[in-house]
């Protein structure tokens, strides 16, 4: 098990994570799980700008198959 250093700064604490535990996001969720404190990267609430413009599916395996005829719908 690796260890981390806890630094007290007034009412706050900072945890210095070892190199192998660096997070890829600046914001994390924090929760208790029993006596453990769990840090989890937060997922963005929205897709990055331009994300859907960058998707181009040209592989024929992604072609939508024929859906056939829709059944008739009775008028109400």
PDB file of N, CA and C in Angstrom:
ATOM      1  N   UNK A   1       0.848  -1.178   0.000  1.00  0.00           N
ATOM      2  CA  UNK A   1       0.000   0.000   0.000  1.00  0.00           C
ATOM      3  C   UNK A   1       0.890   1.236   0.000  1.00  0.00           C
ATOM      4  N   UNK A   2       0.537   2.193  -0.852  1.00  0.00           N
ATOM      5  CA  UNK A   2       1.247   3.474  -0.896  1.00  0.00           C
ATOM      6  C   UNK A   2       0.679   4.374   0.201  1.00  0.00           C
ATOM      7  N   UNK A   3       1.403   5.400   0.568  1.00  0.00           N
ATOM      8  CA  UNK A   3       0.910   6.352   1.553  1.00  0.00           C
ATOM      9  C   UNK A   3       0.906   7.752   0.949  1.00  0.00           C
ATOM     10  N   UNK A   4       0.038   8.610   1.479  1.00  0.00           N
ATOM     11  CA  UNK A   4      -0.054   9.994   1.052  1.00  0.00           C
ATOM     12  C   UNK A   4       0.149  10.886   2.265  1.00  0.00           C
ATOM     13  N   UNK A   5       0.524  12.131   2.035  1.00  0.00           N
ATOM     14  CA  UNK A   5       0.752  13.086   3.116  1.00  0.00           C
ATOM     15  C   UNK A   5      -0.461  14.003   3.231  1.00  0.00           C
ATOM     16  N   UNK A   6      -0.958  14.197   4.451  1.00  0.00           N
ATOM     17  CA  UNK A   6      -2.075  15.106   4.708  1.00  0.00           C
ATOM     18  C   UNK A   6      -1.498  16.383   5.307  1.00  0.00           C
ATOM     19  N   UNK A   7      -1.836  17.524   4.704  1.00  0.00           N
ATOM     20  CA  UNK A   7      -1.338  18.819   5.153  1.00  0.00           C
ATOM     21  C   UNK A   7      -2.535  19.642   5.612  1.00  0.00           C
ATOM     22  N   UNK A   8      -2.486  20.133   6.843  1.00  0.00           N
ATOM     23  CA  UNK A   8      -3.574  20.957   7.380  1.00  0.00           C
ATOM     24  C   UNK A   8      -3.316  22.412   7.018  1.00  0.00           C
ATOM     25  N   UNK A   9      -4.352  23.064   6.434  1.00  0.00           N
ATOM     26  CA  UNK A   9      -4.277  24.477   6.050  1.00  0.00           C
ATOM     27  C   UNK A   9      -5.499  25.186   6.609  1.00  0.00           C
ATOM     28  N   UNK A  10      -5.420  25.662   7.833  1.00  0.00           N
ATOM     29  CA  UNK A  10      -6.568  26.289   8.485  1.00  0.00           C
ATOM     30  C   UNK A  10      -7.656  25.258   8.701  1.00  0.00           C
ATOM     31  N   UNK A  11      -8.853  25.516   8.145  1.00  0.00           N
ATOM     32  CA  UNK A  11      -9.974  24.582   8.276  1.00  0.00           C
ATOM     33  C   UNK A  11      -9.970  23.499   7.198  1.00  0.00           C
ATOM     34  N   UNK A  12      -9.024  23.571   6.266  1.00  0.00           N
ATOM     35  CA  UNK A  12      -8.976  22.637   5.151  1.00  0.00           C
ATOM     36  C   UNK A  12      -7.787  21.705   5.282  1.00  0.00           C
ATOM     37  N   UNK A  13      -7.832  20.611   4.534  1.00  0.00           N
ATOM     38  CA  UNK A  13      -6.709  19.688   4.450  1.00  0.00           C
ATOM     39  C   UNK A  13      -6.381  19.444   2.988  1.00  0.00           C
ATOM     40  N   UNK A  14      -5.116  19.279   2.701  1.00  0.00           N
ATOM     41  CA  UNK A  14      -4.641  18.944   1.374  1.00  0.00           C
ATOM     42  C   UNK A  14      -3.998  17.573   1.449  1.00  0.00           C
ATOM     43  N   UNK A  15      -4.277  16.726   0.485  1.00  0.00           N
ATOM     44  CA  UNK A  15      -3.663  15.404   0.438  1.00  0.00           C
ATOM     45  C   UNK A  15      -2.710  15.375  -0.749  1.00  0.00           C
ATOM     46  N   UNK A  16      -1.454  15.077  -0.487  1.00  0.00           N
ATOM     47  CA  UNK A  16      -0.449  14.966  -1.558  1.00  0.00           C
ATOM     48  C   UNK A  16      -0.420  13.508  -1.992  1.00  0.00           C
ATOM     49  N   UNK A  17      -0.902  13.267  -3.210  1.00  0.00           N
ATOM     50  CA  UNK A  17      -0.983  11.902  -3.724  1.00  0.00           C
ATOM     51  C   UNK A  17       0.350  11.463  -4.318  1.00  0.00           C
ATOM     52  N   UNK A  18       0.701  10.185  -4.142  1.00  0.00           N
ATOM     53  CA  UNK A  18       1.916   9.674  -4.788  1.00  0.00           C
ATOM     54  C   UNK A  18       1.775   9.726  -6.307  1.00  0.00           C
ATOM     55  N   UNK A  19       2.890   9.705  -7.006  1.00  0.00           N
ATOM     56  CA  UNK A  19       2.932   9.858  -8.458  1.00  0.00           C
ATOM     57  C   UNK A  19       1.979   8.909  -9.187  1.00  0.00           C
ATOM     58  N   UNK A  20       1.871   7.680  -8.794  1.00  0.00           N
ATOM     59  CA  UNK A  20       1.020   6.705  -9.474  1.00  0.00           C
ATOM     60  C   UNK A  20      -0.466   6.919  -9.271  1.00  0.00           C
ATOM     61  N   UNK A  21      -0.838   7.918  -8.449  1.00  0.00           N
ATOM     62  CA  UNK A  21      -2.244   8.155  -8.142  1.00  0.00           C
ATOM     63  C   UNK A  21      -2.724   9.522  -8.631  1.00  0.00           C
ATOM     64  N   UNK A  22      -1.964  10.176  -9.498  1.00  0.00           N
ATOM     65  CA  UNK A  22      -2.367  11.495  -9.980  1.00  0.00           C
ATOM     66  C   UNK A  22      -3.689  11.397 -10.732  1.00  0.00           C
ATOM     67  N   UNK A  23      -4.528  12.393 -10.561  1.00  0.00           N
ATOM     68  CA  UNK A  23      -5.844  12.437 -11.193  1.00  0.00           C
ATOM     69  C   UNK A  23      -5.776  13.253 -12.475  1.00  0.00           C
ATOM     70  N   UNK A  24      -6.607  12.890 -13.448  1.00  0.00           N
ATOM     71  CA  UNK A  24      -6.602  13.584 -14.735  1.00  0.00           C
ATOM     72  C   UNK A  24      -7.581  14.754 -14.767  1.00  0.00           C
ATOM     73  N   UNK A  25      -8.296  14.986 -13.681  1.00  0.00           N
ATOM     74  CA  UNK A  25      -9.289  16.057 -13.635  1.00  0.00           C
ATOM     75  C   UNK A  25      -9.033  16.928 -12.408  1.00  0.00           C
ATOM     76  N   UNK A  26      -9.296  18.239 -12.507  1.00  0.00           N
ATOM     77  CA  UNK A  26      -9.038  19.109 -11.357  1.00  0.00           C
ATOM     78  C   UNK A  26     -10.118  19.047 -10.284  1.00  0.00           C
ATOM     79  N   UNK A  27     -11.268  18.448 -10.588  1.00  0.00           N
ATOM     80  CA  UNK A  27     -12.372  18.375  -9.636  1.00  0.00           C
ATOM     81  C   UNK A  27     -12.737  16.919  -9.387  1.00  0.00           C
ATOM     82  N   UNK A  28     -12.900  16.580  -8.119  1.00  0.00           N
ATOM     83  CA  UNK A  28     -13.254  15.208  -7.761  1.00  0.00           C
ATOM     84  C   UNK A  28     -14.441  15.218  -6.805  1.00  0.00           C
ATOM     85  N   UNK A  29     -15.176  14.105  -6.797  1.00  0.00           N
ATOM     86  CA  UNK A  29     -16.215  13.899  -5.808  1.00  0.00           C
ATOM     87  C   UNK A  29     -15.574  13.266  -4.579  1.00  0.00           C
ATOM     88  N   UNK A  30     -16.094  13.590  -3.405  1.00  0.00           N
ATOM     89  CA  UNK A  30     -15.559  13.053  -2.154  1.00  0.00           C
ATOM     90  C   UNK A  30     -16.718  12.434  -1.387  1.00  0.00           C
ATOM     91  N   UNK A  31     -16.503  11.210  -0.893  1.00  0.00           N
ATOM     92  CA  UNK A  31     -17.548  10.557  -0.103  1.00  0.00           C
ATOM     93  C   UNK A  31     -16.905   9.617   0.905  1.00  0.00           C
ATOM     94  N   UNK A  32     -17.671   9.308   1.942  1.00  0.00           N
ATOM     95  CA  UNK A  32     -17.245   8.327   2.936  1.00  0.00           C
ATOM     96  C   UNK A  32     -17.765   6.962   2.527  1.00  0.00           C
ATOM     97  N   UNK A  33     -16.962   5.966   2.695  1.00  0.00           N
ATOM     98  CA  UNK A  33     -17.373   4.571   2.519  1.00  0.00           C
ATOM     99  C   UNK A  33     -16.848   3.834   3.747  1.00  0.00           C
ATOM    100  N   UNK A  34     -17.704   3.735   4.772  1.00  0.00           N
ATOM    101  CA  UNK A  34     -17.237   3.218   6.054  1.00  0.00           C
ATOM    102  C   UNK A  34     -16.267   4.223   6.651  1.00  0.00           C
ATOM    103  N   UNK A  35     -15.096   3.778   7.033  1.00  0.00           N
ATOM    104  CA  UNK A  35     -14.074   4.686   7.560  1.00  0.00           C
ATOM    105  C   UNK A  35     -13.186   5.262   6.456  1.00  0.00           C
ATOM    106  N   UNK A  36     -13.347   4.782   5.230  1.00  0.00           N
ATOM    107  CA  UNK A  36     -12.524   5.248   4.107  1.00  0.00           C
ATOM    108  C   UNK A  36     -13.090   6.540   3.530  1.00  0.00           C
ATOM    109  N   UNK A  37     -12.211   7.360   2.989  1.00  0.00           N
ATOM    110  CA  UNK A  37     -12.593   8.552   2.228  1.00  0.00           C
ATOM    111  C   UNK A  37     -12.233   8.257   0.780  1.00  0.00           C
ATOM    112  N   UNK A  38     -13.226   8.332  -0.101  1.00  0.00           N
ATOM    113  CA  UNK A  38     -13.044   7.964  -1.500  1.00  0.00           C
ATOM    114  C   UNK A  38     -13.078   9.219  -2.367  1.00  0.00           C
ATOM    115  N   UNK A  39     -12.058   9.376  -3.211  1.00  0.00           N
ATOM    116  CA  UNK A  39     -12.016  10.467  -4.193  1.00  0.00           C
ATOM    117  C   UNK A  39     -12.318   9.870  -5.557  1.00  0.00           C
ATOM    118  N   UNK A  40     -13.273  10.459  -6.286  1.00  0.00           N
ATOM    119  CA  UNK A  40     -13.632   9.962  -7.614  1.00  0.00           C
ATOM    120  C   UNK A  40     -13.646  11.107  -8.615  1.00  0.00           C
ATOM    121  N   UNK A  41     -13.013  10.925  -9.785  1.00  0.00           N
ATOM    122  CA  UNK A  41     -13.090  11.971 -10.814  1.00  0.00           C
ATOM    123  C   UNK A  41     -14.547  12.194 -11.209  1.00  0.00           C
ATOM    124  N   UNK A  42     -14.916  13.458 -11.370  1.00  0.00           N
ATOM    125  CA  UNK A  42     -16.279  13.781 -11.797  1.00  0.00           C
ATOM    126  C   UNK A  42     -16.348  13.785 -13.312  1.00  0.00           C
ATOM    127  N   UNK A  43     -17.400  13.221 -13.839  1.00  0.00           N
ATOM    128  CA  UNK A  43     -17.610  13.239 -15.285  1.00  0.00           C
ATOM    129  C   UNK A  43     -18.236  14.569 -15.671  1.00  0.00           C
ATOM    130  N   UNK A  44     -17.864  15.104 -16.820  1.00  0.00           N
ATOM    131  CA  UNK A  44     -18.456  16.381 -17.238  1.00  0.00           C
ATOM    132  C   UNK A  44     -19.962  16.251 -17.431  1.00  0.00           C
ATOM    133  N   UNK A  45     -20.684  17.325 -17.176  1.00  0.00           N
ATOM    134  CA  UNK A  45     -22.144  17.322 -17.324  1.00  0.00           C
ATOM    135  C   UNK A  45     -22.576  17.439 -18.781  1.00  0.00           C
ATOM    136  N   UNK A  46     -21.666  17.834 -19.649  1.00  0.00           N
ATOM    137  CA  UNK A  46     -22.005  18.004 -21.066  1.00  0.00           C
ATOM    138  C   UNK A  46     -20.847  17.486 -21.923  1.00  0.00           C
ATOM    139  N   UNK A  47     -21.153  17.199 -23.182  1.00  0.00           N
ATOM    140  CA  UNK A  47     -20.114  16.768 -24.116  1.00  0.00           C
ATOM    141  C   UNK A  47     -19.221  17.952 -24.440  1.00  0.00           C
ATOM    142  N   UNK A  48     -17.942  17.718 -24.700  1.00  0.00           N
ATOM    143  CA  UNK A  48     -17.060  18.828 -25.075  1.00  0.00           C
ATOM    144  C   UNK A  48     -17.566  19.514 -26.341  1.00  0.00           C
ATOM    145  N   UNK A  49     -17.324  20.830 -26.437  1.00  0.00           N
ATOM    146  CA  UNK A  49     -17.776  21.597 -27.597  1.00  0.00           C
ATOM    147  C   UNK A  49     -17.193  21.004 -28.877  1.00  0.00           C
ATOM    148  N   UNK A  50     -18.047  20.803 -29.880  1.00  0.00           N
ATOM    149  CA  UNK A  50     -17.616  20.258 -31.163  1.00  0.00           C
ATOM    150  C   UNK A  50     -17.481  18.746 -31.186  1.00  0.00           C
ATOM    151  N   UNK A  51     -17.821  18.068 -30.092  1.00  0.00           N
ATOM    152  CA  UNK A  51     -17.653  16.614 -30.015  1.00  0.00           C
ATOM    153  C   UNK A  51     -18.427  15.901 -31.125  1.00  0.00           C
ATOM    154  N   UNK A  52     -19.699  16.239 -31.295  1.00  0.00           N
ATOM    155  CA  UNK A  52     -20.515  15.538 -32.279  1.00  0.00           C
ATOM    156  C   UNK A  52     -20.135  15.910 -33.715  1.00  0.00           C
ATOM    157  N   UNK A  53     -19.558  17.086 -33.908  1.00  0.00           N
ATOM    158  CA  UNK A  53     -19.078  17.464 -35.241  1.00  0.00           C
ATOM    159  C   UNK A  53     -17.867  16.632 -35.644  1.00  0.00           C
ATOM    160  N   UNK A  54     -17.159  16.085 -34.651  1.00  0.00           N
ATOM    161  CA  UNK A  54     -15.941  15.327 -34.940  1.00  0.00           C
ATOM    162  C   UNK A  54     -16.210  13.850 -35.218  1.00  0.00           C
ATOM    163  N   UNK A  55     -17.454  13.415 -35.059  1.00  0.00           N
ATOM    164  CA  UNK A  55     -17.781  12.002 -35.264  1.00  0.00           C
ATOM    165  C   UNK A  55     -18.225  11.789 -36.710  1.00  0.00           C
ATOM    166  N   UNK A  56     -17.520  10.920 -37.404  1.00  0.00           N
ATOM    167  CA  UNK A  56     -17.865  10.580 -38.786  1.00  0.00           C
ATOM    168  C   UNK A  56     -17.790   9.059 -38.907  1.00  0.00           C
ATOM    169  N   UNK A  57     -18.943   8.417 -38.949  1.00  0.00           N
ATOM    170  CA  UNK A  57     -18.964   6.958 -39.053  1.00  0.00           C
ATOM    171  C   UNK A  57     -19.173   6.597 -40.513  1.00  0.00           C
ATOM    172  N   UNK A  58     -18.110   6.128 -41.157  1.00  0.00           N
ATOM    173  CA  UNK A  58     -18.196   5.748 -42.563  1.00  0.00           C
ATOM    174  C   UNK A  58     -18.066   4.244 -42.756  1.00  0.00           C
ATOM    175  N   UNK A  59     -17.878   3.502 -41.687  1.00  0.00           N
ATOM    176  CA  UNK A  59     -17.756   2.049 -41.765  1.00  0.00           C
ATOM    177  C   UNK A  59     -19.116   1.459 -42.137  1.00  0.00           C
ATOM    178  N   UNK A  60     -19.200   0.640 -43.194  1.00  0.00           N
ATOM    179  CA  UNK A  60     -20.481   0.049 -43.602  1.00  0.00           C
ATOM    180  C   UNK A  60     -21.131  -0.802 -42.510  1.00  0.00           C
ATOM    181  N   UNK A  61     -20.364  -1.263 -41.537  1.00  0.00           N
ATOM    182  CA  UNK A  61     -20.936  -2.058 -40.450  1.00  0.00           C
ATOM    183  C   UNK A  61     -21.887  -1.217 -39.598  1.00  0.00           C
ATOM    184  N   UNK A  62     -21.788   0.119 -39.689  1.00  0.00           N
ATOM    185  CA  UNK A  62     -22.640   0.991 -38.900  1.00  0.00           C
ATOM    186  C   UNK A  62     -23.878   1.457 -39.655  1.00  0.00           C
ATOM    187  N   UNK A  63     -24.095   0.949 -40.866  1.00  0.00           N
ATOM    188  CA  UNK A  63     -25.265   1.337 -41.637  1.00  0.00           C
ATOM    189  C   UNK A  63     -26.505   0.748 -40.970  1.00  0.00           C
ATOM    190  N   UNK A  64     -27.521   1.579 -40.811  1.00  0.00           N
ATOM    191  CA  UNK A  64     -28.759   1.124 -40.182  1.00  0.00           C
ATOM    192  C   UNK A  64     -29.509   0.221 -41.149  1.00  0.00           C
ATOM    193  N   UNK A  65     -29.878  -0.978 -40.700  1.00  0.00           N
ATOM    194  CA  UNK A  65     -30.612  -1.886 -41.587  1.00  0.00           C
ATOM    195  C   UNK A  65     -32.018  -1.358 -41.867  1.00  0.00           C
ATOM    196  N   UNK A  66     -32.614  -1.847 -42.956  1.00  0.00           N
ATOM    197  CA  UNK A  66     -33.973  -1.463 -43.308  1.00  0.00           C
ATOM    198  C   UNK A  66     -34.907  -1.819 -42.151  1.00  0.00           C
ATOM    199  N   UNK A  67     -35.766  -0.889 -41.782  1.00  0.00           N
ATOM    200  CA  UNK A  67     -36.670  -1.080 -40.644  1.00  0.00           C
ATOM    201  C   UNK A  67     -38.029  -1.640 -41.057  1.00  0.00           C
ATOM    202  N   UNK A  68     -38.248  -1.801 -42.349  1.00  0.00           N
ATOM    203  CA  UNK A  68     -39.529  -2.343 -42.793  1.00  0.00           C
ATOM    204  C   UNK A  68     -40.627  -1.291 -42.720  1.00  0.00           C
ATOM    205  N   UNK A  69     -41.858  -1.735 -42.923  1.00  0.00           N
ATOM    206  CA  UNK A  69     -43.008  -0.840 -42.911  1.00  0.00           C
ATOM    207  C   UNK A  69     -43.543  -0.680 -41.495  1.00  0.00           C
ATOM    208  N   UNK A  70     -43.977   0.532 -41.170  1.00  0.00           N
ATOM    209  CA  UNK A  70     -44.620   0.762 -39.886  1.00  0.00           C
ATOM    210  C   UNK A  70     -46.051   0.240 -39.951  1.00  0.00           C
ATOM    211  N   UNK A  71     -46.551  -0.314 -38.860  1.00  0.00           N
ATOM    212  CA  UNK A  71     -47.955  -0.756 -38.864  1.00  0.00           C
ATOM    213  C   UNK A  71     -48.886   0.447 -38.923  1.00  0.00           C
ATOM    214  N   UNK A  72     -50.073   0.261 -39.474  1.00  0.00           N
ATOM    215  CA  UNK A  72     -51.054   1.323 -39.536  1.00  0.00           C
ATOM    216  C   UNK A  72     -51.512   1.666 -38.124  1.00  0.00           C
ATOM    217  N   UNK A  73     -51.759   2.939 -37.897  1.00  0.00           N
ATOM    218  CA  UNK A  73     -52.225   3.415 -36.594  1.00  0.00           C
ATOM    219  C   UNK A  73     -53.680   3.835 -36.742  1.00  0.00           C
ATOM    220  N   UNK A  74     -54.544   3.320 -35.877  1.00  0.00           N
ATOM    221  CA  UNK A  74     -55.965   3.671 -35.924  1.00  0.00           C
ATOM    222  C   UNK A  74     -56.153   5.093 -35.408  1.00  0.00           C
ATOM    223  N   UNK A  75     -57.024   5.841 -36.036  1.00  0.00           N
ATOM    224  CA  UNK A  75     -57.357   7.174 -35.569  1.00  0.00           C
ATOM    225  C   UNK A  75     -58.190   7.072 -34.302  1.00  0.00           C
ATOM    226  N   UNK A  76     -57.990   8.000 -33.414  1.00  0.00           N
ATOM    227  CA  UNK A  76     -58.775   8.008 -32.175  1.00  0.00           C
ATOM    228  C   UNK A  76     -60.014   8.819 -32.296  1.00  0.00           C
TER     229      UNK A  76
END
